[in-house]
Every structure is written in C-alpha cells, then in structure tokens.
C-alpha atoms as a PDB file:
ATOM      1  CA  MET A   1      -2.970 -24.674 -19.587  1.00  0.00           C
ATOM      2  CA  SER A   2      -6.510 -23.939 -20.524  1.00  0.00           C
ATOM      3  CA  LYS A   3      -7.923 -24.862 -23.896  1.00  0.00           C
ATOM      4  CA  LEU A   4      -8.519 -21.362 -24.778  1.00  0.00           C
ATOM      5  CA  ARG A   5      -4.723 -20.495 -24.064  1.00  0.00           C
ATOM      6  CA  PHE A   6      -3.755 -23.470 -26.187  1.00  0.00           C
ATOM      7  CA  ALA A   7      -6.012 -22.498 -28.884  1.00  0.00           C
ATOM      8  CA  ILE A   8      -4.530 -19.022 -29.041  1.00  0.00           C
ATOM      9  CA  LEU A   9      -1.028 -20.506 -29.059  1.00  0.00           C
ATOM     10  CA  VAL A  10      -1.938 -22.637 -31.924  1.00  0.00           C
ATOM     11  CA  LEU A  11      -3.438 -19.762 -33.787  1.00  0.00           C
ATOM     12  CA  ALA A  12      -0.509 -17.497 -33.165  1.00  0.00           C
ATOM     13  CA  ILE A  13       1.962 -20.050 -34.334  1.00  0.00           C
ATOM     14  CA  GLY A  14      -0.202 -21.105 -37.198  1.00  0.00           C
ATOM     15  CA  CYS A  15      -0.670 -17.617 -38.483  1.00  0.00           C
ATOM     16  CA  SER A  16       2.893 -16.755 -38.396  1.00  0.00           C
ATOM     17  CA  GLY A  17       3.883 -19.433 -40.861  1.00  0.00           C
ATOM     18  CA  ALA A  18       1.501 -20.959 -43.441  1.00  0.00           C
ATOM     19  CA  ALA A  19       3.510 -24.219 -43.894  1.00  0.00           C
ATOM     20  CA  VAL A  20       3.748 -24.881 -40.156  1.00  0.00           C
ATOM     21  CA  ALA A  21       0.034 -24.220 -39.798  1.00  0.00           C
ATOM     22  CA  GLN A  22      -0.826 -26.962 -42.284  1.00  0.00           C
ATOM     23  CA  THR A  23       0.562 -29.858 -40.208  1.00  0.00           C
ATOM     24  CA  ALA A  24      -0.654 -31.148 -36.922  1.00  0.00           C
ATOM     25  CA  ASP A  25       2.814 -31.926 -35.935  1.00  0.00           C
ATOM     26  CA  GLY A  26       3.939 -28.299 -36.576  1.00  0.00           C
ATOM     27  CA  ARG A  27       1.015 -26.864 -34.575  1.00  0.00           C
ATOM     28  CA  GLY A  28       1.502 -28.976 -31.608  1.00  0.00           C
ATOM     29  CA  ALA A  29       5.258 -29.598 -31.521  1.00  0.00           C
ATOM     30  CA  CYS A  30       6.007 -26.795 -29.162  1.00  0.00           C
ATOM     31  CA  LYS A  31       3.116 -26.977 -26.881  1.00  0.00           C
ATOM     32  CA  ALA A  32       5.114 -28.590 -24.008  1.00  0.00           C
ATOM     33  CA  ASP A  33       8.013 -26.099 -24.570  1.00  0.00           C
ATOM     34  CA  TYR A  34       5.537 -23.210 -24.473  1.00  0.00           C
ATOM     35  CA  ASP A  35       4.027 -24.549 -21.339  1.00  0.00           C
ATOM     36  CA  ARG A  36       7.382 -24.784 -19.732  1.00  0.00           C
ATOM     37  CA  TYR A  37       9.204 -21.744 -20.811  1.00  0.00           C
ATOM     38  CA  CYS A  38       6.645 -19.222 -22.346  1.00  0.00           C
ATOM     39  CA  ALA A  39       3.232 -19.793 -20.488  1.00  0.00           C
ATOM     40  CA  GLY A  40       3.152 -16.239 -19.384  1.00  0.00           C
ATOM     41  CA  THR A  41       3.667 -14.882 -22.974  1.00  0.00           C
ATOM     42  CA  LEU A  42       0.812 -13.432 -24.615  1.00  0.00           C
ATOM     43  CA  PRO A  43       0.348 -14.378 -28.313  1.00  0.00           C
ATOM     44  CA  GLY A  44       0.471 -12.012 -31.095  1.00  0.00           C
ATOM     45  CA  GLY A  45       3.136  -9.911 -32.659  1.00  0.00           C
ATOM     46  CA  GLY A  46       5.622 -12.839 -32.859  1.00  0.00           C
ATOM     47  CA  ARG A  47       6.067 -12.900 -29.061  1.00  0.00           C
ATOM     48  CA  VAL A  48       5.636 -16.486 -28.616  1.00  0.00           C
ATOM     49  CA  VAL A  49       8.148 -17.494 -31.333  1.00  0.00           C
ATOM     50  CA  ALA A  50      10.444 -14.790 -29.930  1.00  0.00           C
ATOM     51  CA  CYS A  51      10.099 -16.395 -26.425  1.00  0.00           C
ATOM     52  CA  LEU A  52      10.743 -19.931 -27.773  1.00  0.00           C
ATOM     53  CA  ASN A  53      13.772 -18.744 -29.762  1.00  0.00           C
ATOM     54  CA  LYS A  54      15.306 -17.379 -26.550  1.00  0.00           C
ATOM     55  CA  GLN A  55      15.048 -20.924 -25.160  1.00  0.00           C
ATOM     56  CA  HIS A  56      16.238 -22.634 -28.223  1.00  0.00           C
ATOM     57  CA  HIS A  57      19.010 -24.581 -26.564  1.00  0.00           C
ATOM     58  CA  GLN A  58      16.392 -26.088 -24.124  1.00  0.00           C
ATOM     59  CA  LEU A  59      13.560 -27.041 -26.550  1.00  0.00           C
ATOM     60  CA  SER A  60      12.640 -30.297 -27.778  1.00  0.00           C
ATOM     61  CA  ASP A  61      14.012 -31.414 -31.227  1.00  0.00           C
ATOM     62  CA  ALA A  62      10.462 -31.345 -32.640  1.00  0.00           C
ATOM     63  CA  CYS A  63      10.055 -27.835 -31.647  1.00  0.00           C
ATOM     64  CA  LYS A  64      13.430 -26.889 -32.802  1.00  0.00           C
ATOM     65  CA  GLN A  65      12.535 -28.315 -36.356  1.00  0.00           C
ATOM     66  CA  VAL A  66       9.386 -26.412 -36.440  1.00  0.00           C
ATOM     67  CA  LEU A  67      11.129 -23.104 -35.538  1.00  0.00           C
ATOM     68  CA  ALA A  68      13.888 -23.756 -38.149  1.00  0.00           C
ATOM     69  CA  SER A  69      11.317 -24.443 -40.862  1.00  0.00           C
ATOM     70  CA  ARG A  70       9.827 -21.134 -40.189  1.00  0.00           C
ATOM     71  CA  LYS A  71      13.185 -19.382 -40.672  1.00  0.00           C
ATOM     72  CA  LYS A  72      13.579 -20.890 -44.211  1.00  0.00           C
ATOM     73  CA  GLN A  73      10.339 -19.364 -45.525  1.00  0.00           C
END
C-alpha cells in the first residue's frame, strides 16, 4: 500500500472517531486488516469502517477493539 493510501486510511478512521484518532494504536490497529480485506475501498463517508465491519469475524483482535470503541461513542 502506498504511503498516500495509508495516510488517507488513517485520516478517514481518525476523522470518524475523535477518541480513536488520539492514539497511535487506534490509528494503526486496522492497517493490516484494511490491506487484506478493504484495499479497494475508497475512504470517506464511513466506507472503510463499513467494509471492516462486514469482515468483522476475520479481523484482528486489535482492530475489533478499535471498531467496538467507536460504537460506544
């Protein structure tokens, strides 16, 4: 994945949840899962999070925790 694409992913996830965006673990926890399951998904409008949620049962534990913390907000 290019650095630009990763930066866009981080921005998309970070802008969609202020608490998640404040921690380095939160920003990067889903990178590998994004690369594996959602690489073709364009950031914005919640598309990346929606894609990750569709793959929830296959995600890493760290990514699942990030997504769960977003739902609590």
